[in-house]
C-alpha cells in the first residue's frame, strides 16, 4: 500500500480554505515548542486512529517533525479505513523552512 503524501504548499492551501483536518503526532514537549495553530495534538506514543475526530468529508493530514512518525501514523489510520488521509512530506521542519505561519520555532 503506497503512502499518500502532500507538500507543505498543498497543506497551506487547504488550511487557508479551512478544508482539512490536521493531526500532529509529535509529543507534548515538541508541540509546546512549535506548532501549527490549526493542528490537533494526538501524540504517536498514545496514538489511536479511532480518536481522530470526524473530518466531515475533509481530507485528514498527519504531521510530525520530519515526516517519519507521521508516516507510521498515516499507515495505521489507513489500515483502520480512514480516507482520505495524507502524510505531510518533511513535517514541521519543511513547513518552517518554507516560511509558512506557525507558533514558535521547531528544532
N, C-alpha and C. Protein backbone atom coordinates (compact mmCIF):
# COMPACT_ATOMS: atom_id res chain seq x y z
N UNK A 1 0.85 -1.18 0.00
CA UNK A 1 0.00 0.00 0.00
C UNK A 1 0.90 1.24 0.00
N UNK A 2 0.76 2.06 -1.02
CA UNK A 2 1.59 3.27 -1.07
C UNK A 2 1.03 4.32 -0.12
N UNK A 3 1.93 5.12 0.37
CA UNK A 3 1.56 6.14 1.34
C UNK A 3 1.24 7.46 0.64
N UNK A 4 0.00 7.95 0.75
CA UNK A 4 -0.32 9.24 0.14
C UNK A 4 0.35 10.37 0.92
N UNK A 5 1.03 11.24 0.21
CA UNK A 5 1.72 12.36 0.85
C UNK A 5 1.33 13.66 0.16
N UNK A 6 1.43 14.74 0.92
CA UNK A 6 1.21 16.07 0.35
C UNK A 6 2.35 16.99 0.79
N UNK A 7 2.50 18.06 0.05
CA UNK A 7 3.54 19.05 0.35
C UNK A 7 3.01 20.10 1.32
N UNK A 8 3.94 20.87 1.87
CA UNK A 8 3.53 21.95 2.76
C UNK A 8 2.73 23.01 1.99
N UNK A 9 3.03 23.18 0.71
CA UNK A 9 2.28 24.14 -0.12
C UNK A 9 0.82 23.73 -0.23
N UNK A 10 0.59 22.46 -0.49
CA UNK A 10 -0.79 21.97 -0.59
C UNK A 10 -1.50 22.08 0.75
N UNK A 11 -0.82 21.69 1.83
CA UNK A 11 -1.44 21.80 3.14
C UNK A 11 -1.79 23.25 3.45
N UNK A 12 -0.90 24.17 3.14
CA UNK A 12 -1.18 25.58 3.39
C UNK A 12 -2.42 26.05 2.63
N UNK A 13 -2.56 25.62 1.37
CA UNK A 13 -3.74 25.97 0.59
C UNK A 13 -5.01 25.42 1.24
N UNK A 14 -4.95 24.16 1.68
CA UNK A 14 -6.12 23.55 2.32
C UNK A 14 -6.46 24.27 3.62
N UNK A 15 -5.43 24.63 4.41
CA UNK A 15 -5.67 25.34 5.67
C UNK A 15 -6.30 26.70 5.42
N UNK A 16 -5.84 27.39 4.39
CA UNK A 16 -6.40 28.71 4.06
C UNK A 16 -7.87 28.62 3.70
N UNK A 17 -8.29 27.48 3.13
CA UNK A 17 -9.69 27.27 2.75
C UNK A 17 -10.48 26.56 3.85
N UNK A 18 -9.82 26.28 4.98
CA UNK A 18 -10.43 25.51 6.07
C UNK A 18 -11.00 24.21 5.53
N UNK A 19 -10.17 23.53 4.72
CA UNK A 19 -10.63 22.33 4.03
C UNK A 19 -9.78 21.11 4.40
N UNK A 20 -9.38 21.00 5.68
CA UNK A 20 -8.54 19.88 6.10
C UNK A 20 -8.62 19.71 7.62
N UNK A 21 -8.46 18.48 8.06
CA UNK A 21 -8.28 18.18 9.48
C UNK A 21 -6.80 17.84 9.64
N UNK A 22 -6.09 18.61 10.47
CA UNK A 22 -4.66 18.44 10.65
C UNK A 22 -4.37 17.82 12.00
N UNK A 23 -3.68 16.68 11.98
CA UNK A 23 -3.31 15.95 13.20
C UNK A 23 -1.80 15.99 13.35
N UNK A 24 -1.33 16.40 14.52
CA UNK A 24 0.10 16.43 14.83
C UNK A 24 0.39 15.29 15.79
N UNK A 25 1.30 14.38 15.41
CA UNK A 25 1.59 13.21 16.25
C UNK A 25 2.89 13.36 17.03
N UNK A 26 3.44 14.58 17.10
CA UNK A 26 4.61 14.80 17.93
C UNK A 26 4.21 14.74 19.40
N UNK A 27 5.19 14.74 20.27
CA UNK A 27 4.91 14.68 21.70
C UNK A 27 4.66 16.08 22.27
N UNK A 28 4.10 16.13 23.47
CA UNK A 28 3.69 17.40 24.08
C UNK A 28 4.82 18.43 24.14
N UNK A 29 6.03 18.03 24.50
CA UNK A 29 7.14 18.98 24.59
C UNK A 29 7.46 19.60 23.23
N UNK A 30 7.38 18.81 22.17
CA UNK A 30 7.61 19.33 20.82
C UNK A 30 6.50 20.30 20.44
N UNK A 31 5.28 19.93 20.76
CA UNK A 31 4.10 20.76 20.49
C UNK A 31 4.22 22.10 21.21
N UNK A 32 4.67 22.07 22.47
CA UNK A 32 4.81 23.29 23.25
C UNK A 32 5.86 24.22 22.63
N UNK A 33 6.87 23.64 21.97
CA UNK A 33 7.94 24.42 21.36
C UNK A 33 7.50 25.08 20.05
N UNK A 34 6.78 24.34 19.21
CA UNK A 34 6.35 24.86 17.90
C UNK A 34 5.16 24.07 17.40
N UNK A 35 4.23 24.78 16.77
CA UNK A 35 3.04 24.08 16.24
C UNK A 35 2.33 24.94 15.21
N UNK A 36 1.46 24.29 14.47
CA UNK A 36 0.55 24.99 13.59
C UNK A 36 -0.74 25.20 14.37
N UNK A 37 -1.27 26.42 14.39
CA UNK A 37 -2.43 26.70 15.23
C UNK A 37 -3.66 25.85 14.90
N UNK A 38 -3.78 25.37 13.67
CA UNK A 38 -4.95 24.61 13.28
C UNK A 38 -4.84 23.12 13.63
N UNK A 39 -3.69 22.69 14.11
CA UNK A 39 -3.46 21.26 14.35
C UNK A 39 -4.06 20.79 15.67
N UNK A 40 -4.42 19.52 15.67
CA UNK A 40 -4.89 18.83 16.86
C UNK A 40 -3.79 17.86 17.28
N UNK A 41 -3.39 17.90 18.53
CA UNK A 41 -2.31 17.04 19.03
C UNK A 41 -2.85 15.67 19.42
N UNK A 42 -2.31 14.62 18.79
CA UNK A 42 -2.58 13.23 19.14
C UNK A 42 -1.23 12.51 19.11
N UNK A 43 -0.45 12.57 20.21
CA UNK A 43 0.91 12.05 20.20
C UNK A 43 1.01 10.59 19.76
N UNK A 44 2.05 10.30 19.00
CA UNK A 44 2.24 8.95 18.49
C UNK A 44 2.39 7.94 19.62
N UNK A 45 2.96 8.35 20.75
CA UNK A 45 3.17 7.43 21.87
C UNK A 45 1.86 6.84 22.39
N UNK A 46 0.76 7.53 22.15
CA UNK A 46 -0.55 7.02 22.57
C UNK A 46 -1.56 7.10 21.42
N UNK A 47 -1.07 7.07 20.20
CA UNK A 47 -1.91 7.29 19.03
C UNK A 47 -2.96 6.20 18.86
N UNK A 48 -4.19 6.64 18.73
CA UNK A 48 -5.31 5.76 18.45
C UNK A 48 -6.06 6.37 17.27
N UNK A 49 -5.98 5.74 16.09
CA UNK A 49 -6.63 6.33 14.93
C UNK A 49 -8.14 6.50 15.11
N UNK A 50 -8.72 5.73 16.01
CA UNK A 50 -10.15 5.87 16.26
C UNK A 50 -10.47 7.14 17.05
N UNK A 51 -9.43 7.78 17.61
CA UNK A 51 -9.62 9.04 18.34
C UNK A 51 -9.59 10.25 17.42
N UNK A 52 -9.27 10.03 16.15
CA UNK A 52 -9.27 11.14 15.19
C UNK A 52 -10.72 11.58 14.98
N UNK A 53 -11.00 12.85 15.19
CA UNK A 53 -12.39 13.30 15.02
C UNK A 53 -12.88 13.15 13.57
N UNK A 54 -14.17 13.13 13.42
CA UNK A 54 -14.77 13.08 12.09
C UNK A 54 -14.39 14.35 11.34
N UNK A 55 -13.87 14.19 10.15
CA UNK A 55 -13.41 15.33 9.35
C UNK A 55 -14.51 15.91 8.47
N UNK A 56 -15.71 15.40 8.58
CA UNK A 56 -16.85 15.90 7.78
C UNK A 56 -16.53 15.96 6.30
N UNK A 57 -15.90 14.91 5.79
CA UNK A 57 -15.61 14.81 4.37
C UNK A 57 -14.32 15.48 3.93
N UNK A 58 -13.69 16.23 4.83
CA UNK A 58 -12.43 16.88 4.50
C UNK A 58 -11.30 15.85 4.59
N UNK A 59 -10.21 16.08 3.85
CA UNK A 59 -9.06 15.19 3.99
C UNK A 59 -8.41 15.38 5.37
N UNK A 60 -7.77 14.33 5.85
CA UNK A 60 -7.01 14.37 7.09
C UNK A 60 -5.54 14.35 6.72
N UNK A 61 -4.76 15.25 7.30
CA UNK A 61 -3.31 15.27 7.11
C UNK A 61 -2.67 15.02 8.46
N UNK A 62 -1.70 14.12 8.48
CA UNK A 62 -0.97 13.79 9.70
C UNK A 62 0.45 14.30 9.55
N UNK A 63 0.92 15.00 10.59
CA UNK A 63 2.25 15.60 10.54
C UNK A 63 3.05 15.28 11.79
N UNK A 64 4.37 15.42 11.68
CA UNK A 64 5.27 15.31 12.82
C UNK A 64 6.44 16.26 12.59
N UNK A 65 7.60 15.96 13.11
CA UNK A 65 8.76 16.84 12.94
C UNK A 65 9.30 16.77 11.52
N UNK A 66 9.53 15.55 11.02
CA UNK A 66 10.17 15.40 9.71
C UNK A 66 9.39 14.55 8.72
N UNK A 67 8.34 13.91 9.17
CA UNK A 67 7.53 13.07 8.29
C UNK A 67 7.65 11.59 8.55
N UNK A 68 8.57 11.16 9.40
CA UNK A 68 8.77 9.74 9.67
C UNK A 68 7.68 9.17 10.59
N UNK A 69 7.49 9.81 11.74
CA UNK A 69 6.45 9.31 12.67
C UNK A 69 5.06 9.46 12.08
N UNK A 70 4.84 10.55 11.38
CA UNK A 70 3.52 10.75 10.78
C UNK A 70 3.26 9.72 9.68
N UNK A 71 4.32 9.25 9.01
CA UNK A 71 4.14 8.19 8.02
C UNK A 71 3.61 6.93 8.69
N UNK A 72 4.16 6.61 9.86
CA UNK A 72 3.67 5.44 10.61
C UNK A 72 2.21 5.62 11.01
N UNK A 73 1.89 6.80 11.52
CA UNK A 73 0.51 7.08 11.94
C UNK A 73 -0.45 7.07 10.75
N UNK A 74 0.01 7.57 9.61
CA UNK A 74 -0.83 7.57 8.41
C UNK A 74 -1.12 6.15 7.98
N UNK A 75 -0.11 5.27 8.02
CA UNK A 75 -0.31 3.85 7.68
C UNK A 75 -1.36 3.23 8.60
N UNK A 76 -1.25 3.48 9.90
CA UNK A 76 -2.20 2.92 10.87
C UNK A 76 -3.60 3.45 10.59
N UNK A 77 -3.71 4.75 10.34
CA UNK A 77 -5.02 5.34 10.05
C UNK A 77 -5.63 4.72 8.79
N UNK A 78 -4.80 4.50 7.78
CA UNK A 78 -5.29 3.88 6.54
C UNK A 78 -5.77 2.46 6.79
N UNK A 79 -5.06 1.71 7.65
CA UNK A 79 -5.44 0.32 7.94
C UNK A 79 -6.78 0.24 8.67
N UNK A 80 -7.16 1.32 9.35
CA UNK A 80 -8.44 1.33 10.04
C UNK A 80 -9.55 1.90 9.16
N UNK A 81 -9.21 2.18 7.89
CA UNK A 81 -10.23 2.62 6.95
C UNK A 81 -10.38 4.12 6.82
N UNK A 82 -9.51 4.89 7.45
CA UNK A 82 -9.60 6.35 7.37
C UNK A 82 -9.21 6.82 5.97
N UNK A 83 -10.08 7.51 5.29
CA UNK A 83 -9.76 8.08 3.98
C UNK A 83 -10.52 9.38 3.80
N UNK A 84 -10.04 10.31 3.05
CA UNK A 84 -8.66 10.36 2.58
C UNK A 84 -7.73 10.82 3.71
N UNK A 85 -6.56 10.23 3.80
CA UNK A 85 -5.57 10.60 4.81
C UNK A 85 -4.21 10.71 4.13
N UNK A 86 -3.46 11.74 4.51
CA UNK A 86 -2.17 12.04 3.88
C UNK A 86 -1.10 12.28 4.93
N UNK A 87 0.12 11.95 4.58
CA UNK A 87 1.29 12.28 5.38
C UNK A 87 1.86 13.60 4.86
N UNK A 88 2.27 14.48 5.77
CA UNK A 88 2.89 15.74 5.37
C UNK A 88 4.37 15.51 5.12
N UNK A 89 4.79 15.63 3.87
CA UNK A 89 6.18 15.43 3.50
C UNK A 89 7.07 16.46 4.19
N UNK A 90 8.06 15.98 4.92
CA UNK A 90 9.02 16.87 5.57
C UNK A 90 8.58 17.44 6.90
N UNK A 91 7.32 17.22 7.29
CA UNK A 91 6.82 17.64 8.59
C UNK A 91 6.94 19.13 8.87
N UNK A 92 6.98 19.44 10.17
CA UNK A 92 7.02 20.84 10.58
C UNK A 92 8.34 21.51 10.19
N UNK A 93 9.40 20.71 10.03
CA UNK A 93 10.67 21.29 9.58
C UNK A 93 10.55 21.84 8.17
N UNK A 94 9.86 21.12 7.29
CA UNK A 94 9.64 21.61 5.92
C UNK A 94 8.72 22.83 5.94
N UNK A 95 7.72 22.80 6.80
CA UNK A 95 6.80 23.94 6.94
C UNK A 95 7.58 25.19 7.34
N UNK A 96 8.41 25.04 8.35
CA UNK A 96 9.22 26.15 8.85
C UNK A 96 10.20 26.64 7.78
N UNK A 97 10.84 25.73 7.07
CA UNK A 97 11.80 26.09 6.02
C UNK A 97 11.12 26.86 4.88
N UNK A 98 9.84 26.59 4.67
CA UNK A 98 9.08 27.30 3.63
C UNK A 98 8.62 28.68 4.10
N UNK A 99 8.85 28.99 5.37
CA UNK A 99 8.48 30.30 5.89
C UNK A 99 6.99 30.46 6.13
N UNK A 100 6.29 29.36 6.30
CA UNK A 100 4.84 29.43 6.49
C UNK A 100 4.52 29.73 7.94
N UNK A 101 3.33 30.27 8.22
CA UNK A 101 3.00 30.72 9.58
C UNK A 101 2.88 29.57 10.57
N UNK A 102 3.47 29.80 11.74
CA UNK A 102 3.39 28.83 12.82
C UNK A 102 3.65 29.54 14.14
N UNK A 103 3.40 28.85 15.22
CA UNK A 103 3.66 29.37 16.55
C UNK A 103 4.96 28.74 17.02
N UNK A 104 5.94 29.54 17.38
CA UNK A 104 7.22 29.04 17.88
C UNK A 104 8.19 28.65 16.77
N UNK A 105 9.27 27.99 17.16
CA UNK A 105 10.31 27.54 16.24
C UNK A 105 10.60 26.07 16.50
N UNK A 106 10.60 25.26 15.44
CA UNK A 106 10.93 23.84 15.56
C UNK A 106 12.44 23.66 15.50
N UNK A 107 12.92 22.70 16.26
CA UNK A 107 14.35 22.38 16.23
C UNK A 107 14.57 20.93 15.89
